[in-house]
Protein backbone atom coordinates (compact mmCIF):
# COMPACT_ATOMS: atom_id res chain seq x y z
CA MET A 1 -27.38 -31.14 -5.06
CA THR A 2 -26.16 -28.06 -3.19
CA TYR A 3 -23.85 -25.85 -5.24
CA ARG A 4 -20.32 -25.66 -3.87
CA PRO A 5 -17.87 -23.12 -5.31
CA LEU A 6 -14.69 -24.59 -6.75
CA ALA A 7 -12.65 -22.43 -4.37
CA ASP A 8 -14.24 -24.29 -1.43
CA GLU A 9 -14.01 -27.72 -3.04
CA ILE A 10 -10.31 -27.32 -3.72
CA ARG A 11 -9.51 -25.96 -0.26
CA PRO A 12 -6.50 -27.83 1.25
CA GLU A 13 -7.04 -30.10 4.24
CA THR A 14 -3.41 -30.45 5.34
CA LEU A 15 -0.52 -28.03 5.76
CA ASP A 16 1.38 -29.74 2.94
CA GLU A 17 -1.45 -28.91 0.54
CA VAL A 18 -1.52 -25.19 1.37
CA VAL A 19 -0.40 -23.09 -1.59
CA GLY A 20 2.55 -20.79 -0.86
CA GLN A 21 3.34 -19.31 2.59
CA LYS A 22 6.52 -21.37 2.88
CA HIS A 23 8.04 -18.66 5.10
CA ILE A 24 5.62 -19.62 7.90
CA LEU A 25 4.31 -23.05 6.85
CA GLY A 26 7.42 -24.63 5.32
CA GLU A 27 9.26 -27.46 7.02
CA LEU A 28 10.92 -25.12 9.52
CA GLY A 29 8.23 -22.43 9.48
CA LEU A 30 7.29 -21.10 12.91
CA LEU A 31 3.52 -21.28 12.37
CA ARG A 32 3.81 -24.88 11.17
CA ARG A 33 5.76 -25.85 14.27
CA ILE A 34 3.18 -24.16 16.50
CA ILE A 35 0.32 -26.00 14.78
CA GLU A 36 2.10 -29.34 14.96
CA SER A 37 2.73 -28.85 18.68
CA GLY A 38 -1.02 -28.69 19.26
CA LYS A 39 -0.60 -25.75 21.63
CA ILE A 40 -2.28 -22.96 19.72
CA PRO A 41 -2.02 -19.40 21.04
CA ASN A 42 -4.35 -16.59 20.01
CA LEU A 43 -3.37 -15.67 16.48
CA ILE A 44 -3.76 -12.79 14.05
CA PHE A 45 -3.40 -13.60 10.35
CA TYR A 46 -2.57 -10.58 8.20
CA GLY A 47 -2.52 -10.55 4.41
CA PRO A 48 -4.51 -10.14 1.19
CA SER A 49 -7.64 -12.13 0.40
CA GLY A 50 -7.26 -15.60 -1.05
CA THR A 51 -3.87 -16.37 0.48
CA GLY A 52 -4.91 -19.18 2.85
CA LYS A 53 -5.86 -17.52 6.14
CA THR A 54 -9.24 -19.25 6.47
CA THR A 55 -7.80 -22.51 5.18
CA VAL A 56 -5.13 -22.58 7.88
CA ALA A 57 -7.73 -21.81 10.54
CA ASN A 58 -9.75 -24.82 9.33
CA ILE A 59 -6.68 -27.05 9.52
CA ILE A 60 -5.90 -25.84 13.05
CA ALA A 61 -9.45 -26.61 14.18
CA LYS A 62 -9.27 -30.10 12.73
CA ARG A 63 -5.84 -30.89 14.23
CA THR A 64 -6.82 -29.66 17.70
CA ASN A 65 -10.24 -31.33 17.59
CA ARG A 66 -11.92 -28.07 18.41
CA THR A 67 -15.22 -26.75 17.14
CA LEU A 68 -14.65 -24.00 14.58
CA ARG A 69 -16.98 -21.02 14.71
CA ARG A 70 -16.71 -18.28 12.13
CA LEU A 71 -17.75 -14.65 12.42
CA ASN A 72 -17.19 -11.71 10.08
CA ALA A 73 -16.61 -8.41 11.88
CA THR A 74 -18.46 -6.49 9.16
CA THR A 75 -21.76 -8.01 10.32
CA ALA A 76 -21.09 -9.65 13.71
CA SER A 77 -21.84 -8.15 17.11
CA LEU A 78 -20.60 -8.86 20.62
CA ALA A 79 -23.82 -10.79 21.19
CA ASP A 80 -22.67 -13.21 18.49
CA VAL A 81 -19.33 -13.63 20.27
CA LYS A 82 -21.04 -14.27 23.62
CA GLU A 83 -23.35 -16.82 22.01
CA ILE A 84 -20.33 -18.77 20.77
CA ILE A 85 -18.64 -18.61 24.19
CA SER A 86 -21.78 -20.01 25.80
CA GLN A 87 -21.38 -23.18 23.73
CA VAL A 88 -18.09 -24.12 25.43
CA GLY A 89 -18.43 -27.27 27.53
CA THR A 90 -21.72 -28.28 25.93
CA LEU A 91 -22.34 -30.93 23.32
CA LEU A 92 -21.91 -28.20 20.69
CA ALA A 93 -18.29 -27.64 21.70
CA PRO A 94 -17.10 -30.29 24.15
CA ASN A 95 -13.38 -29.63 23.54
CA GLY A 96 -13.56 -25.87 23.38
CA VAL A 97 -14.02 -23.39 20.56
CA LEU A 98 -11.72 -21.98 17.93
CA LEU A 99 -13.26 -18.61 17.06
CA TYR A 100 -12.27 -17.37 13.62
CA LEU A 101 -13.02 -13.64 13.37
CA ASP A 102 -12.59 -12.37 9.83
CA GLU A 103 -11.88 -8.69 9.06
CA ILE A 104 -11.23 -7.78 12.70
CA GLN A 105 -10.39 -4.21 11.64
CA TYR A 106 -14.12 -3.56 11.33
CA PHE A 107 -14.61 -4.04 15.08
CA ASN A 108 -14.35 -0.68 16.83
CA LYS A 109 -12.10 -0.13 19.84
CA LYS A 110 -14.81 -1.00 22.38
CA GLN A 111 -15.69 -4.20 20.53
CA GLN A 112 -12.02 -5.19 20.30
CA GLN A 113 -11.53 -4.48 24.00
CA SER A 114 -14.43 -6.82 24.74
CA LEU A 115 -12.55 -9.59 22.95
CA LEU A 116 -10.04 -9.63 25.81
CA GLU A 117 -12.44 -11.88 27.72
CA VAL A 118 -12.25 -14.34 24.84
CA ILE A 119 -8.49 -14.10 24.51
CA GLU A 120 -7.86 -14.82 28.18
CA ARG A 121 -10.07 -17.95 28.32
CA GLY A 122 -8.18 -21.18 27.95
CA ASP A 123 -11.11 -22.97 26.31
CA VAL A 124 -11.55 -20.38 23.54
CA THR A 125 -8.80 -19.67 21.00
CA LEU A 126 -9.14 -16.58 18.86
CA ILE A 127 -7.82 -16.50 15.32
CA ALA A 128 -8.46 -13.08 13.83
CA SER A 129 -7.73 -12.22 10.23
CA THR A 130 -7.33 -8.88 8.53
CA THR A 131 -6.34 -7.55 5.14
CA GLU A 132 -4.99 -4.39 6.77
CA ASN A 133 -1.84 -3.84 8.81
CA PRO A 134 -2.79 -5.08 12.32
CA TYR A 135 -0.34 -2.70 13.95
CA PHE A 136 -2.51 0.15 12.69
CA TYR A 137 -5.98 -1.38 12.99
CA VAL A 138 -5.95 -3.80 15.92
CA TYR A 139 -6.21 -2.57 19.51
CA ASN A 140 -2.90 -2.84 21.37
CA ALA A 141 -4.23 -5.00 24.19
CA VAL A 142 -5.49 -7.55 21.67
CA LEU A 143 -2.29 -7.34 19.66
CA SER A 144 -0.06 -7.87 22.69
CA ARG A 145 -1.92 -11.06 23.60
CA SER A 146 -1.70 -12.56 20.12
CA SER A 147 0.94 -13.85 17.72
CA VAL A 148 0.88 -12.12 14.32
CA PHE A 149 1.67 -13.98 11.09
CA GLU A 150 1.77 -12.34 7.68
CA PHE A 151 0.33 -14.20 4.69
CA LYS A 152 1.90 -13.01 1.44
CA PRO A 153 0.35 -12.80 -2.05
CA LEU A 154 0.82 -16.05 -3.93
CA SER A 155 3.30 -16.13 -6.79
CA GLN A 156 2.59 -17.46 -10.26
CA GLU A 157 4.73 -20.49 -9.46
CA ASP A 158 2.68 -21.14 -6.33
CA LEU A 159 -0.61 -20.94 -8.19
CA ILE A 160 0.05 -22.92 -11.38
CA PRO A 161 -0.43 -26.33 -9.67
CA ALA A 162 -3.63 -25.08 -8.02
CA VAL A 163 -4.99 -23.82 -11.36
CA GLU A 164 -4.15 -27.15 -13.03
CA ARG A 165 -5.92 -29.01 -10.24
CA GLY A 166 -8.88 -26.68 -10.57
CA PHE A 167 -9.23 -27.54 -14.26
CA ARG A 168 -9.08 -31.25 -13.42
CA LEU A 169 -11.74 -30.98 -10.69
CA MET A 170 -14.04 -28.93 -12.91
CA GLY A 171 -13.61 -31.50 -15.66
CA GLU A 172 -14.64 -34.30 -13.27
CA ARG A 173 -17.59 -32.25 -12.08
CA LEU A 174 -18.74 -31.64 -15.66
CA GLY A 175 -17.95 -35.12 -16.91
CA ALA A 176 -15.41 -33.85 -19.41
CA ARG A 177 -11.75 -32.96 -19.82
CA ALA A 178 -10.34 -29.46 -20.04
CA GLN A 179 -8.28 -28.61 -23.09
CA ALA A 180 -6.68 -25.24 -22.44
CA GLU A 181 -4.68 -23.32 -25.02
CA GLU A 182 -1.01 -22.79 -24.32
CA GLY A 183 -0.52 -20.00 -21.82
CA VAL A 184 -3.98 -20.17 -20.23
CA THR A 185 -2.85 -21.72 -16.95
CA ALA A 186 0.10 -19.37 -16.58
CA TYR A 187 -2.05 -16.36 -17.44
CA ILE A 188 -4.68 -17.15 -14.80
CA ALA A 189 -1.96 -17.81 -12.23
CA SER A 190 -0.36 -14.43 -12.89
CA ALA A 191 -3.49 -12.34 -13.47
CA CYS A 192 -5.29 -13.15 -10.22
CA GLY A 193 -3.16 -10.84 -8.11
CA GLY A 194 -1.83 -13.58 -5.84
CA ASP A 195 -5.38 -14.55 -4.83
CA CYS A 196 -6.10 -18.28 -5.11
CA ARG A 197 -9.84 -17.73 -4.72
CA LYS A 198 -9.89 -15.39 -7.73
CA ALA A 199 -7.93 -17.94 -9.75
CA MET A 200 -10.43 -20.69 -8.89
CA ASN A 201 -13.37 -18.41 -9.72
CA ALA A 202 -11.83 -17.74 -13.12
CA VAL A 203 -11.30 -21.47 -13.76
CA GLU A 204 -14.88 -22.24 -12.74
CA LEU A 205 -16.29 -19.50 -14.97
CA LEU A 206 -14.21 -20.60 -17.97
CA MET A 207 -15.08 -24.26 -17.63
CA ASN A 208 -18.80 -23.64 -17.19
CA ALA A 209 -18.82 -21.45 -20.32
CA ALA A 210 -16.42 -23.54 -22.44
CA PRO A 211 -17.71 -24.97 -25.74
CA ARG A 212 -17.97 -28.75 -25.62
CA THR A 213 -16.93 -31.23 -28.28
CA GLY A 214 -17.63 -34.75 -27.08
CA ASP A 215 -15.89 -34.97 -23.73
CA ILE A 216 -13.55 -32.03 -24.43
CA LEU A 217 -14.09 -28.53 -23.02
CA THR A 218 -11.94 -25.97 -24.86
CA VAL A 219 -10.61 -22.92 -23.02
CA THR A 220 -8.91 -20.19 -25.08
CA LEU A 221 -6.37 -17.62 -23.96
CA ALA A 222 -8.64 -14.79 -25.13
CA GLU A 223 -11.44 -16.07 -22.89
CA ALA A 224 -9.03 -16.41 -19.98
CA GLU A 225 -7.93 -12.80 -20.45
CA ALA A 226 -11.55 -11.67 -20.45
CA ALA A 227 -12.43 -13.71 -17.36
CA ALA A 228 -9.46 -12.48 -15.36
CA GLN A 229 -9.70 -8.83 -16.48
CA LYS A 230 -8.44 -6.52 -13.73
CA SER A 231 -8.48 -9.33 -11.19
CA ALA A 232 -4.79 -8.78 -10.51
CA MET A 233 -5.63 -5.45 -8.91
CA ARG A 234 -5.65 -5.45 -5.13
CA TYR A 235 -6.53 -1.88 -4.30
CA ASP A 236 -8.62 -0.19 -1.65
CA ARG A 237 -8.66 3.60 -1.66
CA GLU A 238 -9.24 3.62 2.09
CA GLY A 239 -6.80 0.85 3.01
CA ASP A 240 -3.12 -0.02 3.05
CA ASP A 241 -2.90 -0.56 -0.71
CA HIS A 242 -3.74 3.08 -1.38
CA PHE A 243 -0.87 4.33 0.77
CA ASP A 244 1.52 1.55 -0.24
CA ILE A 245 1.17 2.17 -3.99
CA ALA A 246 1.39 5.95 -3.54
CA SER A 247 4.52 5.48 -1.43
CA ALA A 248 6.03 3.04 -3.93
CA LEU A 249 5.46 5.50 -6.78
CA MET A 250 7.06 8.37 -4.88
CA LYS A 251 10.05 6.32 -3.76
CA SER A 252 10.60 4.96 -7.27
CA LEU A 253 10.66 8.51 -8.65
CA ARG A 254 13.10 9.53 -5.91
CA GLY A 255 15.18 6.44 -6.59
CA SER A 256 15.48 7.31 -10.31
CA ASP A 257 13.88 4.05 -11.48
CA PRO A 258 11.58 4.94 -14.40
CA ASP A 259 10.44 1.35 -14.92
CA ALA A 260 9.26 0.91 -11.33
CA ALA A 261 7.65 4.35 -11.37
CA LEU A 262 5.73 3.48 -14.55
CA HIS A 263 4.62 0.20 -12.98
CA TYR A 264 3.09 1.90 -9.94
CA LEU A 265 1.59 4.63 -12.09
CA ALA A 266 -0.04 1.93 -14.20
CA ARG A 267 -1.48 0.27 -11.09
CA LEU A 268 -2.99 3.52 -9.91
CA LEU A 269 -4.44 4.32 -13.32
CA GLU A 270 -5.81 0.82 -13.78
CA ALA A 271 -7.59 1.22 -10.44
CA GLY A 272 -9.00 4.52 -11.67
CA ASP A 273 -7.11 6.55 -9.07
CA MET A 274 -5.56 9.28 -11.20
CA GLN A 275 -5.71 11.87 -8.41
CA THR A 276 -3.29 9.99 -6.15
CA ALA A 277 -0.82 9.68 -9.02
CA ILE A 278 -1.11 13.40 -9.76
CA ARG A 279 -0.52 14.40 -6.14
CA ARG A 280 2.63 12.27 -5.91
CA ILE A 281 3.97 13.49 -9.25
CA LEU A 282 3.45 17.17 -8.43
CA CYS A 283 5.02 16.72 -5.01
CA SER A 284 8.06 14.87 -6.34
CA ALA A 285 8.85 17.70 -8.76
CA SER A 286 9.66 19.98 -5.83
CA GLU A 287 10.61 17.48 -3.12
CA ASP A 288 12.97 15.22 -5.04
CA ILE A 289 14.11 17.20 -8.10
CA GLY A 290 13.73 20.78 -6.88
CA MET A 291 16.62 23.08 -7.70
CA ALA A 292 18.55 20.41 -9.60
CA TYR A 293 16.15 20.96 -12.50
CA PRO A 294 13.71 23.78 -11.57
CA GLN A 295 11.93 23.59 -14.94
CA ALA A 296 10.64 20.12 -14.00
CA ALA A 297 7.89 21.67 -11.89
CA GLN A 298 6.57 23.64 -14.88
CA ILE A 299 6.77 20.69 -17.25
CA VAL A 300 5.09 18.35 -14.81
CA LYS A 301 2.32 20.88 -14.14
CA ALA A 302 1.71 21.14 -17.89
CA CYS A 303 1.55 17.33 -18.12
CA VAL A 304 -0.92 17.17 -15.24
CA ASP A 305 -3.11 19.89 -16.79
CA SER A 306 -3.14 17.96 -20.08
CA ALA A 307 -4.06 14.74 -18.24
CA LEU A 308 -6.97 16.41 -16.46
CA GLN A 309 -8.27 17.85 -19.74
CA LEU A 310 -7.90 14.58 -21.60
CA GLY A 311 -9.18 12.18 -18.96
CA LEU A 312 -8.45 8.47 -19.04
CA PRO A 313 -7.33 6.55 -21.03
CA GLU A 314 -5.47 9.29 -22.93
CA ALA A 315 -4.32 10.88 -19.65
CA ARG A 316 -1.91 8.00 -19.23
CA LEU A 317 0.39 9.58 -21.85
CA PRO A 318 1.20 12.97 -20.26
CA LEU A 319 1.33 11.34 -16.82
CA ALA A 320 3.79 8.74 -18.08
CA GLN A 321 5.82 11.56 -19.63
CA ALA A 322 5.91 13.34 -16.28
CA VAL A 323 6.92 10.15 -14.44
CA ILE A 324 9.75 9.37 -16.86
CA LEU A 325 10.99 12.98 -16.67
CA LEU A 326 11.05 12.97 -12.87
CA ALA A 327 12.62 9.54 -12.59
CA THR A 328 15.43 10.41 -14.99
CA ALA A 329 16.03 14.01 -13.82
CA PRO A 330 18.93 14.96 -11.54
CA LYS A 331 17.90 14.91 -7.90
CA SER A 332 18.11 17.41 -5.06
CA ASN A 333 16.26 17.56 -1.75
CA SER A 334 17.68 21.00 -0.87
CA VAL A 335 14.21 22.57 -1.15
CA VAL A 336 12.52 20.29 1.36
CA MET A 337 15.49 20.40 3.72
CA ALA A 338 15.54 24.21 3.61
CA ILE A 339 11.82 24.80 4.23
CA ASP A 340 11.67 22.12 6.94
CA ALA A 341 14.59 23.72 8.75
CA ALA A 342 12.91 27.14 8.54
CA LEU A 343 9.60 25.72 9.78
CA ALA A 344 11.36 24.04 12.69
CA ASP A 345 12.75 27.41 13.84
CA VAL A 346 9.37 29.14 13.48
CA ARG A 347 7.58 26.39 15.43
CA ALA A 348 10.25 26.56 18.14
CA GLY A 349 9.61 30.31 18.54
CA ARG A 350 12.89 31.42 16.97
CA THR A 351 11.53 34.46 15.15
CA GLY A 352 12.23 38.01 16.32
CA ASP A 353 11.22 41.39 14.89
CA TYR A 354 11.60 42.19 11.22
CA PRO A 355 14.64 44.36 10.50
CA ARG A 356 13.51 47.99 10.25
CA HIS A 357 14.66 48.36 6.65
CA LEU A 358 12.46 45.43 5.57
CA GLN A 359 9.23 46.76 7.05
CA ASN A 360 6.47 48.01 4.80
CA VAL A 361 6.64 51.78 4.28
CA HIS A 362 3.02 52.09 5.50
CA ALA A 363 4.48 52.12 9.03
CA ASP A 364 5.97 55.57 8.36
CA SER A 365 2.48 57.08 8.02
CA ALA A 366 1.33 55.89 11.43
CA GLY A 367 3.40 58.11 13.69
CA MET A 368 6.59 56.14 13.05
CA GLU A 369 8.33 58.56 10.69
CA ARG A 370 11.97 57.48 10.74
CA GLU A 371 14.59 56.56 8.23
CA GLN A 372 13.91 53.05 6.97
CA GLY A 373 17.40 52.51 5.55
CA TYR A 374 16.40 49.95 2.93
CA GLN A 375 18.90 49.57 0.07
CA TYR A 376 17.30 48.70 -3.28
CA PRO A 377 19.42 45.84 -4.73
CA HIS A 378 18.75 46.80 -8.35
CA ASN A 379 20.62 50.07 -7.78
CA PHE A 380 23.85 48.16 -7.17
CA PRO A 381 26.23 46.13 -9.40
CA HIS A 382 24.95 42.64 -10.15
CA HIS A 383 21.64 43.63 -8.48
CA TRP A 384 22.92 42.74 -5.03
CA VAL A 385 23.98 44.63 -1.91
CA ALA A 386 24.96 43.32 1.50
CA GLN A 387 22.29 44.01 4.11
CA GLN A 388 20.54 42.11 6.90
CA TYR A 389 17.35 40.25 6.01
CA LEU A 390 16.83 37.78 8.88
CA PRO A 391 15.62 38.92 12.32
CA ASP A 392 18.40 39.69 14.79
CA PRO A 393 18.13 36.36 16.72
CA LEU A 394 18.61 34.43 13.46
CA THR A 395 21.41 36.44 11.89
CA GLY A 396 23.82 34.09 10.12
CA THR A 397 21.39 31.14 10.09
CA ARG A 398 21.61 28.92 7.01
CA TYR A 399 18.53 26.99 5.89
CA TYR A 400 19.34 26.43 2.25
CA HIS A 401 22.46 24.50 1.30
CA TYR A 402 23.31 24.11 -2.36
CA GLY A 403 22.91 20.61 -3.70
CA ASP A 404 25.79 18.85 -5.43
CA ASN A 405 24.13 18.90 -8.87
CA LYS A 406 25.27 21.01 -11.82
CA THR A 407 22.48 23.58 -11.62
CA GLU A 408 22.84 24.38 -7.94
CA GLN A 409 26.63 24.34 -8.03
CA ALA A 410 26.53 26.86 -10.89
CA ALA A 411 24.28 29.09 -8.78
CA ARG A 412 26.60 28.67 -5.79
CA ALA A 413 29.66 29.67 -7.84
CA TYR A 414 27.80 32.68 -9.28
CA TRP A 415 26.81 34.08 -5.89
CA GLU A 416 30.10 33.27 -4.20
CA LYS A 417 31.85 35.33 -6.87
CA ILE A 418 29.49 38.29 -6.58
CA LYS A 419 29.23 38.31 -2.81
CA GLY A 420 32.96 37.74 -2.49
CA GLU A 421 33.70 40.77 -4.67
CA ASN A 422 31.33 42.93 -2.63
CA GLY A 423 31.98 41.35 0.76
């Protein structure tokens, strides 16, 4: 008997059996209404693995009585696509073809452009799937001729019934009954990262390895934890997840939410990507905290140095310390606003010559002997004297504006008093 993975055996055959995706497949979901109409446009399914993209394509093929042909863009060529098109109108595909192209992002621009011939044929319907954002990875001409639907990660609540059914089916296959410890089903449903296929693989592994007593197969929580280890991680250092988690960490630090920041730090560390966490942490110290707590940059740098010396798993401690410090510190973006404003002027050509009194004295030894006129601030009260520093075209320009935090307001009051007395 040919082996069939549990994930394939349990695959839904109707829309009502599909796990999750109620936002597009629920009673009033747009994709459901399109499928039920029987008039299927070219589609792009976008979302993580194991969320039902292939399953829905199968259901569409069955409902429209079309021959389903599958290709994976990681290995397929345009010759494969043309071979499938040639089947239209023959006994192999009398009612037309539904071409399911998985991982379309792996087709280059020329290959995707060649798909336009497929898209514009009435007897061939393209359903492309991708785990990456199609608006970044799919050629515009293909995108504009297709309807995009996002498949979301499955929740624990979505997956619990599927896991229970998986245990039942495996029991029938093995001629026994599953007896799972309390918490096993919920753990698998939550630890699979919203991926039904991973959940079914874990169930299959556990049931095949479970000790048997009569017709009872016992599954323990400890074994479930071992089987599902790290399966909740959906992370690709070259894909959307890399940028999404890095962005989520940075925005959680900026938003002063230490719990969320620790969560995203943990996800990066669990994926072994300590460098991305370090880059975001170091950046946040200056971008989001800045002058509100200038010492944060030094403390965070010390934490990062400790983490690099320690390595994982101990590195988690100084990095967590840095994250908590940044998330709970007062915030100011005056640094980034100031340097960006200055850069904007420089890039726009608003520069001008340096004031004579700021030039290096080496100029006086090159036939330019003239009074420089520089006033040394330390020779004056409070170590400050009024003189021009910006080039003439920029005189009076303000790049830095004091933030409304205690530290910067104290500095503002200090300098307003001194400069007011000497103004």
